[in-house]
C-alpha atoms as a PDB file:
ATOM      1  CA  MET A   1     -21.987 -22.634  -7.083  1.00  0.00           C
ATOM      2  CA  ALA A   2     -19.703 -22.533  -4.043  1.00  0.00           C
ATOM      3  CA  HIS A   3     -21.357 -22.510  -0.622  1.00  0.00           C
ATOM      4  CA  TRP A   4     -18.970 -19.831   0.666  1.00  0.00           C
ATOM      5  CA  THR A   5     -16.544 -17.301  -0.766  1.00  0.00           C
ATOM      6  CA  LEU A   6     -13.053 -16.111   0.085  1.00  0.00           C
ATOM      7  CA  ASP A   7     -14.555 -12.846   1.307  1.00  0.00           C
ATOM      8  CA  GLN A   8     -16.284 -14.767   4.079  1.00  0.00           C
ATOM      9  CA  ILE A   9     -13.001 -15.938   5.566  1.00  0.00           C
ATOM     10  CA  PRO A  10     -12.037 -13.807   8.637  1.00  0.00           C
ATOM     11  CA  TRP A  11      -8.634 -12.829   7.238  1.00  0.00           C
ATOM     12  CA  HIS A  12      -8.411  -9.917   9.696  1.00  0.00           C
ATOM     13  CA  ASN A  13      -8.113 -12.429  12.555  1.00  0.00           C
ATOM     14  CA  PHE A  14      -4.831 -13.854  11.256  1.00  0.00           C
ATOM     15  CA  GLN A  15      -2.366 -14.436  14.116  1.00  0.00           C
ATOM     16  CA  PRO A  16       1.251 -15.020  12.998  1.00  0.00           C
ATOM     17  CA  ALA A  17       2.325 -16.065  16.499  1.00  0.00           C
ATOM     18  CA  ALA A  18      -0.063 -19.051  16.374  1.00  0.00           C
ATOM     19  CA  ILE A  19       1.461 -20.599  13.252  1.00  0.00           C
ATOM     20  CA  ASP A  20       2.765 -24.181  13.321  1.00  0.00           C
ATOM     21  CA  PRO A  21       5.616 -24.491  10.755  1.00  0.00           C
ATOM     22  CA  ASP A  22       4.783 -28.128  10.002  1.00  0.00           C
ATOM     23  CA  ILE A  23       1.161 -27.253   9.284  1.00  0.00           C
ATOM     24  CA  VAL A  24       2.309 -24.463   6.961  1.00  0.00           C
ATOM     25  CA  LYS A  25       4.184 -27.045   4.877  1.00  0.00           C
ATOM     26  CA  LEU A  26       1.112 -29.270   4.704  1.00  0.00           C
ATOM     27  CA  VAL A  27      -1.156 -26.371   3.757  1.00  0.00           C
ATOM     28  CA  LYS A  28       1.145 -25.355   0.912  1.00  0.00           C
ATOM     29  CA  ALA A  29       1.011 -28.898  -0.485  1.00  0.00           C
ATOM     30  CA  ALA A  30      -2.761 -29.143  -0.015  1.00  0.00           C
ATOM     31  CA  ALA A  31      -3.260 -25.858  -1.860  1.00  0.00           C
ATOM     32  CA  LEU A  32      -1.608 -27.319  -4.961  1.00  0.00           C
ATOM     33  CA  VAL A  33      -3.645 -30.518  -4.948  1.00  0.00           C
ATOM     34  CA  GLU A  34      -6.960 -28.742  -4.368  1.00  0.00           C
ATOM     35  CA  TYR A  35      -6.274 -26.068  -6.979  1.00  0.00           C
ATOM     36  CA  ASN A  36      -5.769 -28.819  -9.572  1.00  0.00           C
ATOM     37  CA  GLY A  37      -9.445 -29.762  -9.377  1.00  0.00           C
ATOM     38  CA  GLY A  38     -10.027 -28.724 -12.987  1.00  0.00           C
ATOM     39  CA  ASP A  39      -8.002 -31.645 -14.312  1.00  0.00           C
ATOM     40  CA  TYR A  40     -10.039 -34.088 -12.255  1.00  0.00           C
ATOM     41  CA  ALA A  41     -13.249 -32.562 -13.599  1.00  0.00           C
ATOM     42  CA  THR A  42     -11.942 -33.139 -17.129  1.00  0.00           C
ATOM     43  CA  TYR A  43     -11.103 -36.739 -16.295  1.00  0.00           C
ATOM     44  CA  LEU A  44     -14.526 -37.371 -14.742  1.00  0.00           C
ATOM     45  CA  SER A  45     -16.305 -35.699 -17.653  1.00  0.00           C
ATOM     46  CA  ASN A  46     -14.495 -38.060 -20.018  1.00  0.00           C
ATOM     47  CA  VAL A  47     -15.379 -41.108 -17.941  1.00  0.00           C
ATOM     48  CA  PHE A  48     -19.040 -40.007 -17.745  1.00  0.00           C
ATOM     49  CA  HIS A  49     -19.049 -38.660 -21.303  1.00  0.00           C
ATOM     50  CA  ASP A  50     -22.715 -39.466 -21.953  1.00  0.00           C
ATOM     51  CA  ASP A  51     -24.052 -38.350 -18.563  1.00  0.00           C
ATOM     52  CA  ASP A  52     -24.749 -34.620 -18.758  1.00  0.00           C
ATOM     53  CA  ASP A  53     -26.132 -34.472 -15.217  1.00  0.00           C
ATOM     54  CA  PHE A  54     -23.012 -35.949 -13.684  1.00  0.00           C
ATOM     55  CA  GLN A  55     -20.745 -33.797 -15.835  1.00  0.00           C
ATOM     56  CA  SER A  56     -22.492 -30.726 -14.420  1.00  0.00           C
ATOM     57  CA  VAL A  57     -21.965 -32.098 -10.908  1.00  0.00           C
ATOM     58  CA  ALA A  58     -18.279 -32.713 -11.628  1.00  0.00           C
ATOM     59  CA  ARG A  59     -17.775 -29.165 -12.882  1.00  0.00           C
ATOM     60  CA  ASP A  60     -19.455 -27.652  -9.816  1.00  0.00           C
ATOM     61  CA  TRP A  61     -17.422 -29.939  -7.563  1.00  0.00           C
ATOM     62  CA  ALA A  62     -14.200 -28.830  -9.276  1.00  0.00           C
ATOM     63  CA  LEU A  63     -15.029 -25.143  -8.760  1.00  0.00           C
ATOM     64  CA  GLU A  64     -15.274 -25.781  -5.038  1.00  0.00           C
ATOM     65  CA  GLU A  65     -12.009 -27.727  -5.027  1.00  0.00           C
ATOM     66  CA  VAL A  66     -10.239 -24.871  -6.804  1.00  0.00           C
ATOM     67  CA  GLN A  67     -11.687 -22.442  -4.253  1.00  0.00           C
ATOM     68  CA  HIS A  68     -10.273 -24.616  -1.475  1.00  0.00           C
ATOM     69  CA  GLY A  69      -6.869 -24.326  -3.121  1.00  0.00           C
ATOM     70  CA  ALA A  70      -7.187 -20.551  -3.442  1.00  0.00           C
ATOM     71  CA  ALA A  71      -8.138 -20.154   0.224  1.00  0.00           C
ATOM     72  CA  LEU A  72      -5.282 -22.363   1.412  1.00  0.00           C
ATOM     73  CA  ALA A  73      -2.816 -20.598  -0.892  1.00  0.00           C
ATOM     74  CA  HIS A  74      -3.834 -17.183   0.414  1.00  0.00           C
ATOM     75  CA  TRP A  75      -3.388 -18.342   3.995  1.00  0.00           C
ATOM     76  CA  ALA A  76      -0.015 -19.898   3.145  1.00  0.00           C
ATOM     77  CA  ARG A  77       1.155 -16.568   1.695  1.00  0.00           C
ATOM     78  CA  LEU A  78       0.128 -14.840   4.931  1.00  0.00           C
ATOM     79  CA  ALA A  79       2.053 -17.425   6.930  1.00  0.00           C
ATOM     80  CA  ASP A  80       5.063 -17.314   4.598  1.00  0.00           C
ATOM     81  CA  PRO A  81       5.283 -14.186   2.404  1.00  0.00           C
ATOM     82  CA  ASP A  82       8.075 -15.854   0.404  1.00  0.00           C
ATOM     83  CA  PHE A  83       5.753 -18.635  -0.769  1.00  0.00           C
ATOM     84  CA  ASP A  84       5.340 -18.352  -4.539  1.00  0.00           C
ATOM     85  CA  PHE A  85       2.120 -20.229  -5.168  1.00  0.00           C
ATOM     86  CA  ASP A  86       2.078 -19.696  -8.935  1.00  0.00           C
ATOM     87  CA  ALA A  87       5.592 -21.074  -9.375  1.00  0.00           C
ATOM     88  CA  SER A  88       4.879 -23.967  -7.021  1.00  0.00           C
ATOM     89  CA  PHE A  89       1.666 -24.860  -8.816  1.00  0.00           C
ATOM     90  CA  LYS A  90       3.413 -24.822 -12.193  1.00  0.00           C
ATOM     91  CA  ARG A  91       6.127 -27.074 -10.781  1.00  0.00           C
ATOM     92  CA  PHE A  92       3.433 -29.425  -9.495  1.00  0.00           C
ATOM     93  CA  ILE A  93       1.366 -29.736 -12.688  1.00  0.00           C
ATOM     94  CA  ASP A  94       4.508 -29.984 -14.819  1.00  0.00           C
ATOM     95  CA  GLY A  95       5.713 -32.933 -12.765  1.00  0.00           C
ATOM     96  CA  TYR A  96       2.504 -34.722 -11.844  1.00  0.00           C
ATOM     97  CA  LYS A  97      -0.097 -35.608 -14.469  1.00  0.00           C
ATOM     98  CA  ILE A  98      -3.352 -37.491 -14.239  1.00  0.00           C
ATOM     99  CA  PRO A  99      -4.640 -39.339 -17.335  1.00  0.00           C
ATOM    100  CA  LEU A 100      -7.002 -37.022 -19.208  1.00  0.00           C
ATOM    101  CA  ASP A 101      -7.201 -38.697 -22.613  1.00  0.00           C
ATOM    102  CA  VAL A 102      -9.556 -41.467 -21.479  1.00  0.00           C
ATOM    103  CA  ASN A 103     -13.140 -42.552 -22.078  1.00  0.00           C
ATOM    104  CA  ALA A 104     -13.399 -45.108 -19.271  1.00  0.00           C
ATOM    105  CA  SER A 105     -12.481 -45.210 -15.600  1.00  0.00           C
ATOM    106  CA  VAL A 106      -9.100 -46.501 -14.480  1.00  0.00           C
ATOM    107  CA  ARG A 107     -11.155 -48.305 -11.784  1.00  0.00           C
ATOM    108  CA  GLY A 108     -12.771 -50.621 -14.324  1.00  0.00           C
ATOM    109  CA  SER A 109     -16.303 -49.255 -14.120  1.00  0.00           C
ATOM    110  CA  ARG A 110     -18.225 -46.123 -13.325  1.00  0.00           C
ATOM    111  CA  CYS A 111     -19.306 -47.657 -10.020  1.00  0.00           C
ATOM    112  CA  GLY A 112     -15.659 -48.276  -9.238  1.00  0.00           C
ATOM    113  CA  GLU A 113     -14.823 -44.677 -10.101  1.00  0.00           C
ATOM    114  CA  LEU A 114     -17.509 -43.362  -7.779  1.00  0.00           C
ATOM    115  CA  VAL A 115     -16.373 -45.640  -4.959  1.00  0.00           C
ATOM    116  CA  ALA A 116     -12.846 -44.253  -5.426  1.00  0.00           C
ATOM    117  CA  ARG A 117     -14.181 -40.689  -5.345  1.00  0.00           C
ATOM    118  CA  CYS A 118     -15.995 -41.475  -2.093  1.00  0.00           C
ATOM    119  CA  ILE A 119     -12.732 -42.752  -0.614  1.00  0.00           C
ATOM    120  CA  VAL A 120     -10.910 -39.587  -1.646  1.00  0.00           C
ATOM    121  CA  GLU A 121     -13.608 -37.412  -0.078  1.00  0.00           C
ATOM    122  CA  THR A 122     -13.447 -39.544   3.067  1.00  0.00           C
ATOM    123  CA  GLY A 123      -9.726 -38.883   3.306  1.00  0.00           C
ATOM    124  CA  THR A 124      -9.961 -35.156   2.678  1.00  0.00           C
ATOM    125  CA  SER A 125     -12.895 -34.637   5.034  1.00  0.00           C
ATOM    126  CA  SER A 126     -11.050 -36.453   7.817  1.00  0.00           C
ATOM    127  CA  TYR A 127      -7.790 -34.664   7.039  1.00  0.00           C
ATOM    128  CA  TYR A 128      -9.195 -31.150   7.147  1.00  0.00           C
ATOM    129  CA  ALA A 129     -11.183 -31.973  10.275  1.00  0.00           C
ATOM    130  CA  ALA A 130      -7.914 -33.091  11.879  1.00  0.00           C
ATOM    131  CA  LEU A 131      -6.095 -29.932  10.756  1.00  0.00           C
ATOM    132  CA  ALA A 132      -8.952 -27.740  11.997  1.00  0.00           C
ATOM    133  CA  GLU A 133      -8.642 -29.274  15.467  1.00  0.00           C
ATOM    134  CA  ALA A 134      -4.847 -29.160  15.505  1.00  0.00           C
ATOM    135  CA  ALA A 135      -4.440 -25.614  14.210  1.00  0.00           C
ATOM    136  CA  HIS A 136      -4.122 -22.800  16.745  1.00  0.00           C
ATOM    137  CA  GLU A 137      -4.176 -20.071  14.108  1.00  0.00           C
ATOM    138  CA  PRO A 138      -7.865 -18.988  13.936  1.00  0.00           C
ATOM    139  CA  VAL A 139      -8.060 -18.180  10.220  1.00  0.00           C
ATOM    140  CA  LEU A 140      -6.662 -21.565   9.195  1.00  0.00           C
ATOM    141  CA  LYS A 141      -9.003 -23.245  11.660  1.00  0.00           C
ATOM    142  CA  ALA A 142     -11.967 -21.506   9.996  1.00  0.00           C
ATOM    143  CA  ILE A 143     -10.785 -22.436   6.493  1.00  0.00           C
ATOM    144  CA  CYS A 144     -10.238 -26.095   7.379  1.00  0.00           C
ATOM    145  CA  ARG A 145     -13.664 -26.361   8.988  1.00  0.00           C
ATOM    146  CA  LYS A 146     -15.317 -25.020   5.839  1.00  0.00           C
ATOM    147  CA  ILE A 147     -13.317 -27.357   3.597  1.00  0.00           C
ATOM    148  CA  ALA A 148     -13.997 -30.390   5.819  1.00  0.00           C
ATOM    149  CA  ALA A 149     -17.732 -29.667   5.604  1.00  0.00           C
ATOM    150  CA  ASP A 150     -17.506 -29.319   1.815  1.00  0.00           C
ATOM    151  CA  GLU A 151     -15.643 -32.604   1.477  1.00  0.00           C
ATOM    152  CA  LEU A 152     -18.247 -34.420   3.569  1.00  0.00           C
ATOM    153  CA  ARG A 153     -20.953 -32.990   1.322  1.00  0.00           C
ATOM    154  CA  HIS A 154     -18.947 -34.097  -1.727  1.00  0.00           C
ATOM    155  CA  TYR A 155     -18.807 -37.621  -0.304  1.00  0.00           C
ATOM    156  CA  LYS A 156     -22.599 -37.656  -0.023  1.00  0.00           C
ATOM    157  CA  LEU A 157     -22.884 -36.327  -3.574  1.00  0.00           C
ATOM    158  CA  PHE A 158     -20.680 -39.036  -5.081  1.00  0.00           C
ATOM    159  CA  TYR A 159     -22.378 -41.670  -2.938  1.00  0.00           C
ATOM    160  CA  THR A 160     -25.760 -40.625  -4.329  1.00  0.00           C
ATOM    161  CA  HIS A 161     -24.511 -41.074  -7.891  1.00  0.00           C
ATOM    162  CA  LEU A 162     -22.851 -44.359  -6.908  1.00  0.00           C
ATOM    163  CA  ASN A 163     -26.251 -45.717  -5.907  1.00  0.00           C
ATOM    164  CA  ARG A 164     -27.663 -44.580  -9.241  1.00  0.00           C
ATOM    165  CA  TYR A 165     -24.973 -46.469 -11.160  1.00  0.00           C
ATOM    166  CA  LEU A 166     -25.199 -49.564  -8.971  1.00  0.00           C
ATOM    167  CA  ALA A 167     -28.649 -50.108 -10.463  1.00  0.00           C
ATOM    168  CA  GLN A 168     -27.019 -50.213 -13.921  1.00  0.00           C
ATOM    169  CA  GLU A 169     -23.700 -51.968 -13.332  1.00  0.00           C
ATOM    170  CA  GLY A 170     -24.402 -54.027 -10.234  1.00  0.00           C
ATOM    171  CA  LEU A 171     -20.918 -53.910  -8.690  1.00  0.00           C
ATOM    172  CA  GLY A 172     -21.086 -56.094  -5.594  1.00  0.00           C
ATOM    173  CA  ALA A 173     -19.769 -55.396  -2.114  1.00  0.00           C
ATOM    174  CA  TRP A 174     -16.571 -57.379  -2.726  1.00  0.00           C
ATOM    175  CA  GLY A 175     -15.834 -55.441  -5.910  1.00  0.00           C
ATOM    176  CA  ARG A 176     -16.524 -52.150  -4.161  1.00  0.00           C
ATOM    177  CA  PHE A 177     -14.351 -53.160  -1.220  1.00  0.00           C
ATOM    178  CA  LYS A 178     -11.444 -54.007  -3.546  1.00  0.00           C
ATOM    179  CA  VAL A 179     -11.690 -50.601  -5.212  1.00  0.00           C
ATOM    180  CA  ALA A 180     -11.835 -48.893  -1.811  1.00  0.00           C
ATOM    181  CA  LEU A 181      -8.810 -50.806  -0.546  1.00  0.00           C
ATOM    182  CA  SER A 182      -6.901 -50.067  -3.742  1.00  0.00           C
ATOM    183  CA  ARG A 183      -7.585 -46.341  -3.463  1.00  0.00           C
ATOM    184  CA  ILE A 184      -6.589 -46.272   0.212  1.00  0.00           C
ATOM    185  CA  THR A 185      -3.227 -47.857  -0.605  1.00  0.00           C
ATOM    186  CA  GLU A 186      -2.631 -45.048  -3.091  1.00  0.00           C
ATOM    187  CA  SER A 187      -2.722 -42.434  -0.303  1.00  0.00           C
ATOM    188  CA  GLU A 188       1.075 -42.355  -0.296  1.00  0.00           C
ATOM    189  CA  ASP A 189       1.433 -42.236  -4.064  1.00  0.00           C
ATOM    190  CA  ASP A 190       3.256 -39.552  -6.031  1.00  0.00           C
ATOM    191  CA  GLU A 191       0.515 -36.915  -5.924  1.00  0.00           C
ATOM    192  CA  LEU A 192       0.865 -35.912  -2.274  1.00  0.00           C
ATOM    193  CA  ALA A 193       4.600 -36.540  -2.176  1.00  0.00           C
ATOM    194  CA  PHE A 194       5.172 -34.444  -5.295  1.00  0.00           C
ATOM    195  CA  ALA A 195       2.869 -31.685  -4.057  1.00  0.00           C
ATOM    196  CA  TYR A 196       4.827 -31.538  -0.787  1.00  0.00           C
ATOM    197  CA  TYR A 197       8.054 -31.357  -2.761  1.00  0.00           C
ATOM    198  CA  ALA A 198       6.792 -28.749  -5.242  1.00  0.00           C
ATOM    199  CA  ALA A 199       5.493 -26.510  -2.474  1.00  0.00           C
ATOM    200  CA  ASN A 200       8.389 -26.742  -0.042  1.00  0.00           C
ATOM    201  CA  HIS A 201      11.603 -27.808  -1.784  1.00  0.00           C
ATOM    202  CA  ALA A 202      12.104 -25.790  -4.950  1.00  0.00           C
ATOM    203  CA  GLY A 203      15.494 -26.331  -6.537  1.00  0.00           C
ATOM    204  CA  GLU A 204      16.048 -29.761  -5.010  1.00  0.00           C
ATOM    205  CA  PRO A 205      15.792 -33.057  -6.899  1.00  0.00           C
ATOM    206  CA  TYR A 206      12.586 -35.001  -6.371  1.00  0.00           C
ATOM    207  CA  GLU A 207      12.993 -38.127  -4.235  1.00  0.00           C
ATOM    208  CA  ARG A 208       9.671 -39.923  -3.894  1.00  0.00           C
ATOM    209  CA  LYS A 209      10.474 -41.869  -0.734  1.00  0.00           C
ATOM    210  CA  ARG A 210      11.972 -38.860   1.029  1.00  0.00           C
ATOM    211  CA  PHE A 211       9.092 -36.503   0.352  1.00  0.00           C
ATOM    212  CA  SER A 212       6.393 -39.118   0.852  1.00  0.00           C
ATOM    213  CA  SER A 213       7.874 -39.821   4.282  1.00  0.00           C
ATOM    214  CA  ALA A 214       8.190 -36.121   5.116  1.00  0.00           C
ATOM    215  CA  TYR A 215       4.559 -35.560   4.217  1.00  0.00           C
ATOM    216  CA  ALA A 216       3.243 -38.628   6.059  1.00  0.00           C
ATOM    217  CA  LYS A 217       5.213 -37.860   9.222  1.00  0.00           C
ATOM    218  CA  ARG A 218       3.544 -34.470   9.512  1.00  0.00           C
ATOM    219  CA  ALA A 219       0.066 -35.256   8.197  1.00  0.00           C
ATOM    220  CA  TYR A 220      -0.547 -38.473  10.144  1.00  0.00           C
ATOM    221  CA  ALA A 221       0.505 -36.857  13.422  1.00  0.00           C
ATOM    222  CA  TYR A 222      -2.596 -34.657  13.508  1.00  0.00           C
ATOM    223  CA  TYR A 223      -5.164 -37.439  13.224  1.00  0.00           C
ATOM    224  CA  ARG A 224      -7.075 -38.357  16.355  1.00  0.00           C
ATOM    225  CA  PRO A 225      -9.024 -41.601  16.906  1.00  0.00           C
ATOM    226  CA  THR A 226     -12.354 -39.870  16.263  1.00  0.00           C
ATOM    227  CA  HIS A 227     -11.215 -38.760  12.784  1.00  0.00           C
ATOM    228  CA  ILE A 228     -10.065 -42.263  11.926  1.00  0.00           C
ATOM    229  CA  GLN A 229     -13.169 -43.974  13.284  1.00  0.00           C
ATOM    230  CA  ARG A 230     -15.451 -41.701  11.281  1.00  0.00           C
ATOM    231  CA  GLY A 231     -13.330 -42.244   8.182  1.00  0.00           C
ATOM    232  CA  ILE A 232     -13.516 -46.030   8.521  1.00  0.00           C
ATOM    233  CA  ALA A 233     -17.317 -45.828   8.779  1.00  0.00           C
ATOM    234  CA  MET A 234     -17.443 -43.773   5.568  1.00  0.00           C
ATOM    235  CA  VAL A 235     -15.161 -46.231   3.766  1.00  0.00           C
ATOM    236  CA  LEU A 236     -17.301 -49.197   4.809  1.00  0.00           C
ATOM    237  CA  LYS A 237     -20.454 -47.435   3.644  1.00  0.00           C
ATOM    238  CA  ALA A 238     -18.909 -46.683   0.232  1.00  0.00           C
ATOM    239  CA  ALA A 239     -17.872 -50.333  -0.003  1.00  0.00           C
ATOM    240  CA  GLY A 240     -21.448 -51.481   0.567  1.00  0.00           C
ATOM    241  CA  LEU A 241     -20.846 -52.733   4.099  1.00  0.00           C
ATOM    242  CA  ASN A 242     -22.411 -51.829   7.438  1.00  0.00           C
ATOM    243  CA  PRO A 243     -20.557 -48.665   8.561  1.00  0.00           C
ATOM    244  CA  GLN A 244     -21.008 -49.610  12.231  1.00  0.00           C
ATOM    245  CA  GLY A 245     -20.881 -53.367  11.772  1.00  0.00           C
ATOM    246  CA  LEU A 246     -18.407 -55.980  12.994  1.00  0.00           C
ATOM    247  CA  LEU A 247     -15.589 -54.663  10.794  1.00  0.00           C
ATOM    248  CA  HIS A 248     -15.694 -51.095  12.071  1.00  0.00           C
ATOM    249  CA  LYS A 249     -13.972 -51.602  15.416  1.00  0.00           C
ATOM    250  CA  PRO A 250     -11.053 -53.837  14.319  1.00  0.00           C
ATOM    251  CA  LEU A 251     -10.389 -51.754  11.190  1.00  0.00           C
ATOM    252  CA  SER A 252     -10.430 -48.558  13.251  1.00  0.00           C
ATOM    253  CA  HIS A 253      -8.012 -50.036  15.782  1.00  0.00           C
ATOM    254  CA  PHE A 254      -5.709 -51.182  12.997  1.00  0.00           C
ATOM    255  CA  ALA A 255      -5.769 -47.790  11.262  1.00  0.00           C
ATOM    256  CA  ILE A 256      -5.046 -45.956  14.523  1.00  0.00           C
ATOM    257  CA  TRP A 257      -2.178 -48.340  15.290  1.00  0.00           C
ATOM    258  CA  PHE A 258      -0.804 -48.039  11.747  1.00  0.00           C
ATOM    259  CA  MET A 259      -0.760 -44.241  11.748  1.00  0.00           C
ATOM    260  CA  ARG A 260       0.862 -44.005  15.177  1.00  0.00           C
ATOM    261  CA  ARG A 261       3.464 -46.597  14.243  1.00  0.00           C
ATOM    262  CA  ARG A 262       4.187 -44.841  10.939  1.00  0.00           C
ATOM    263  CA  VAL A 263       4.691 -41.472  12.636  1.00  0.00           C
ATOM    264  CA  ALA A 264       6.946 -43.014  15.288  1.00  0.00           C
ATOM    265  CA  LYS A 265       9.104 -44.819  12.726  1.00  0.00           C
ATOM    266  CA  LEU A 266       9.414 -41.748  10.488  1.00  0.00           C
ATOM    267  CA  SER A 267      10.248 -39.539  13.466  1.00  0.00           C
ATOM    268  CA  ALA A 268      12.908 -41.979  14.626  1.00  0.00           C
ATOM    269  CA  ALA A 269      14.347 -42.056  11.114  1.00  0.00           C
ATOM    270  CA  GLY A 270      14.423 -38.274  10.971  1.00  0.00           C
ATOM    271  CA  ALA A 271      12.070 -38.008   7.965  1.00  0.00           C
END
């Protein structure tokens, strides 16, 4: 069951004058990805086909993800009354598919799958925390704070089940780190690029590089060092390493440098 409802969002506080057009574009894309949580629940249920407890967890998790999408979509329609969420979502799911007809994880093991889920929740928790701080519009700020808290709780949930499966599969720290690194490198894959395209550029041909760059230029700009440092700690923990150990500081510095450099290069290129 969701920890909050759409009725608890202070919609009456919406302030059109406080809208950031770049954030509106990101919110539209995020609404599509979040609302597609049902497909991920199906995938996870297939991977954990003989684990009824985890399947129940996955279904509850998906309901919350879909609610995130609904909240973001409603806000996006307030910010841009011309935004057709239903048409955009159809465009998104018609063009971007995740593998559903599976009975094993694409990560090689159930431990690997749960590490990957932890990495995803790390990214989303950090992202919505960054948007909540950057947004001046009070309703969006409230929504992003709620979603960021949910995503942090989801991380803890998947991490708990990861520890349960580690006792069965015994995936070592190096194996977990490789899965984590692999999932991080997928952050600029087709899903976010296609969602950005489907939400903001109807009628245009899809160009992966163009829309991936347009998304990254806007999204990365809102991250602050504190968001990145916390995210690195969560990644290290999921990988079985000390979250505040010797790797935390250099990896945080590298990630901060990388994001700033990426935004600068994309801005200079006019992405």
